[in-house]
Protein backbone atom coordinates (compact mmCIF):
# COMPACT_ATOMS: atom_id res chain seq x y z
CA MET A 1 -6.30 4.18 -4.23
CA LEU A 2 -9.97 4.75 -3.47
CA ASP A 3 -9.08 8.24 -2.23
CA ASP A 4 -7.88 9.06 -5.76
CA VAL A 5 -11.44 8.76 -7.09
CA ASP A 6 -13.51 11.96 -7.04
CA LEU A 7 -16.88 10.94 -8.49
CA GLY A 8 -18.61 14.23 -7.66
CA ASN A 9 -16.14 16.22 -9.73
CA ARG A 10 -15.62 13.41 -12.27
CA ARG A 11 -11.88 13.22 -11.66
CA LEU A 12 -9.33 10.50 -11.03
CA THR A 13 -5.81 11.08 -9.76
CA ILE A 14 -3.23 8.83 -11.41
CA ALA A 15 0.43 9.09 -10.42
CA GLY A 16 -0.25 12.47 -8.82
CA ARG A 17 -1.99 13.91 -11.90
CA VAL A 18 -5.66 14.81 -11.76
CA ARG A 19 -7.49 13.63 -14.86
CA PRO A 20 -11.08 14.26 -15.91
CA LEU A 21 -13.38 11.27 -16.34
CA ASP A 22 -15.20 11.00 -19.66
CA ASP A 23 -18.64 9.36 -19.74
CA VAL A 24 -17.38 5.90 -20.71
CA THR A 25 -14.64 5.84 -18.08
CA LEU A 26 -17.01 7.14 -15.41
CA ARG A 27 -19.55 4.40 -16.24
CA LEU A 28 -16.86 1.70 -16.13
CA LEU A 29 -15.52 3.05 -12.84
CA LEU A 30 -19.00 3.09 -11.29
CA ASP A 31 -19.61 -0.47 -12.49
CA TRP A 32 -16.28 -1.62 -11.04
CA LEU A 33 -16.93 0.06 -7.69
CA GLU A 34 -20.35 -1.59 -7.48
CA HIS A 35 -18.85 -4.99 -8.38
CA ARG A 36 -16.07 -4.46 -5.81
CA ARG A 37 -18.59 -3.55 -3.10
CA ARG A 38 -20.78 -6.60 -3.81
CA ARG A 39 -17.90 -9.06 -4.23
CA TRP A 40 -15.84 -7.94 -1.22
CA PRO A 41 -18.23 -6.03 1.07
CA ASN A 42 -15.98 -6.26 4.14
CA THR A 43 -12.60 -5.55 2.59
CA ALA A 44 -10.34 -3.05 4.29
CA ASN A 45 -8.14 -2.79 1.21
CA LEU A 46 -8.01 0.83 0.05
CA HIS A 47 -6.57 0.05 -3.39
CA LEU A 48 -8.98 0.68 -6.24
CA LEU A 49 -8.06 -2.53 -8.05
CA ILE A 50 -8.26 -5.64 -5.90
CA ASN A 51 -8.86 -9.32 -6.56
CA ASN A 52 -9.46 -12.53 -4.62
CA GLN A 53 -5.85 -12.63 -3.44
CA THR A 54 -5.67 -8.99 -2.31
CA ALA A 55 -9.18 -8.41 -0.96
CA ASN A 56 -8.17 -9.74 2.47
CA THR A 57 -4.88 -7.82 2.55
CA THR A 58 -3.82 -4.22 2.09
CA SER A 59 -1.69 -4.86 -1.01
CA ARG A 60 -2.54 -3.94 -4.58
CA ALA A 61 -3.39 -6.30 -7.41
CA SER A 62 -0.34 -7.31 -9.45
CA ASN A 63 0.58 -5.76 -12.79
CA HIS A 64 0.12 -9.20 -14.34
CA TRP A 65 -3.47 -9.45 -13.04
CA VAL A 66 -4.28 -6.02 -14.50
CA SER A 67 -2.70 -6.59 -17.92
CA ALA A 68 -3.26 -10.33 -18.52
CA PRO A 69 -6.81 -10.01 -19.92
CA MET A 70 -5.51 -7.71 -22.68
CA ARG A 71 -2.81 -10.10 -23.93
CA GLY A 72 -3.53 -11.52 -27.37
CA GLN A 73 -6.26 -8.95 -28.06
CA ASP A 74 -6.28 -6.66 -31.08
CA ALA A 75 -7.01 -3.73 -28.79
CA THR A 76 -3.88 -3.49 -26.66
CA LEU A 77 -3.66 -1.00 -23.81
CA GLU A 78 -1.15 1.02 -25.85
CA ARG A 79 -3.44 1.14 -28.90
CA LEU A 80 -6.40 2.13 -26.72
CA ARG A 81 -4.35 4.89 -25.08
CA VAL A 82 -3.20 6.28 -28.44
CA ASP A 83 -6.73 6.08 -29.86
CA ARG A 84 -8.15 7.89 -26.82
CA GLN A 85 -5.58 10.68 -27.12
CA LEU A 86 -6.24 11.15 -30.84
CA GLU A 87 -10.01 11.15 -30.28
CA GLU A 88 -9.64 13.81 -27.57
CA ALA A 89 -7.61 15.94 -29.98
CA MET A 90 -10.29 15.60 -32.66
CA VAL A 91 -13.22 16.31 -30.31
CA LYS A 92 -11.70 19.20 -28.35
CA GLY A 93 -9.64 20.54 -31.23
CA PRO A 94 -5.96 20.02 -32.00
CA ASP A 95 -4.67 21.93 -28.96
CA PRO A 96 -1.34 20.53 -27.73
CA LEU A 97 -1.66 22.34 -24.37
CA HIS A 98 -5.00 20.66 -23.71
CA LEU A 99 -3.60 17.24 -24.64
CA ALA A 100 -0.51 17.72 -22.48
CA GLU A 101 -2.67 18.65 -19.49
CA VAL A 102 -5.32 15.93 -19.88
CA PHE A 103 -2.94 13.06 -20.62
CA GLY A 104 0.27 14.24 -18.98
CA LEU A 105 2.12 14.22 -22.31
CA ASP A 106 5.41 15.93 -22.97
CA GLU A 107 5.25 18.86 -25.37
CA LYS A 108 6.63 17.03 -28.44
CA THR A 109 4.18 14.15 -28.08
CA ALA A 110 1.28 16.55 -27.53
CA MET A 111 2.22 18.51 -30.65
CA ARG A 112 2.48 15.29 -32.69
CA TYR A 113 -1.04 14.24 -31.65
CA ALA A 114 -2.39 17.74 -32.29
CA ASP A 115 -0.80 17.79 -35.77
CA SER A 116 -2.27 14.37 -36.59
CA ALA A 117 -5.73 15.43 -35.41
CA GLY A 118 -5.50 18.69 -37.36
CA ALA A 119 -4.58 16.81 -40.54
CA LEU A 120 -7.47 14.37 -40.06
CA LEU A 121 -9.90 17.22 -39.43
CA GLN A 122 -8.73 19.05 -42.57
CA GLN A 123 -9.01 15.88 -44.61
CA ALA A 124 -12.55 15.29 -43.33
CA ALA A 125 -13.53 18.90 -44.12
CA LYS A 126 -12.35 18.50 -47.74
CA GLN A 127 -14.41 15.37 -48.38
CA PRO A 128 -17.92 15.87 -49.79
CA SER A 129 -20.70 15.09 -47.32
CA GLN A 130 -22.64 11.93 -48.06
């Protein structure tokens, strides 16, 4: 919902969990909101994601509409999610508590990502700089 977007604090609430917005996601969100405002300036629909069929209603866009553009692509939503989680672990350090909080992961999954990031960081530290 639009109320789940907190641009001032760079946060988005998804399924009741508050998540920080990184620079890329913030830029994409701002672009989408601008597109939404220009395309459907008089919509009363409070859902964040709307389309031609839902702009004149109060219903949300379908799951198919959201996921269809990703079908057949090398970068699936699942692969993007996993890549984003691993990158976060490498940038912020392999801290499973941080990963669990940011992504809403269970403890075993967070520890697995932290272990993978730690191994990659150690491997990178052992390689000679070029």
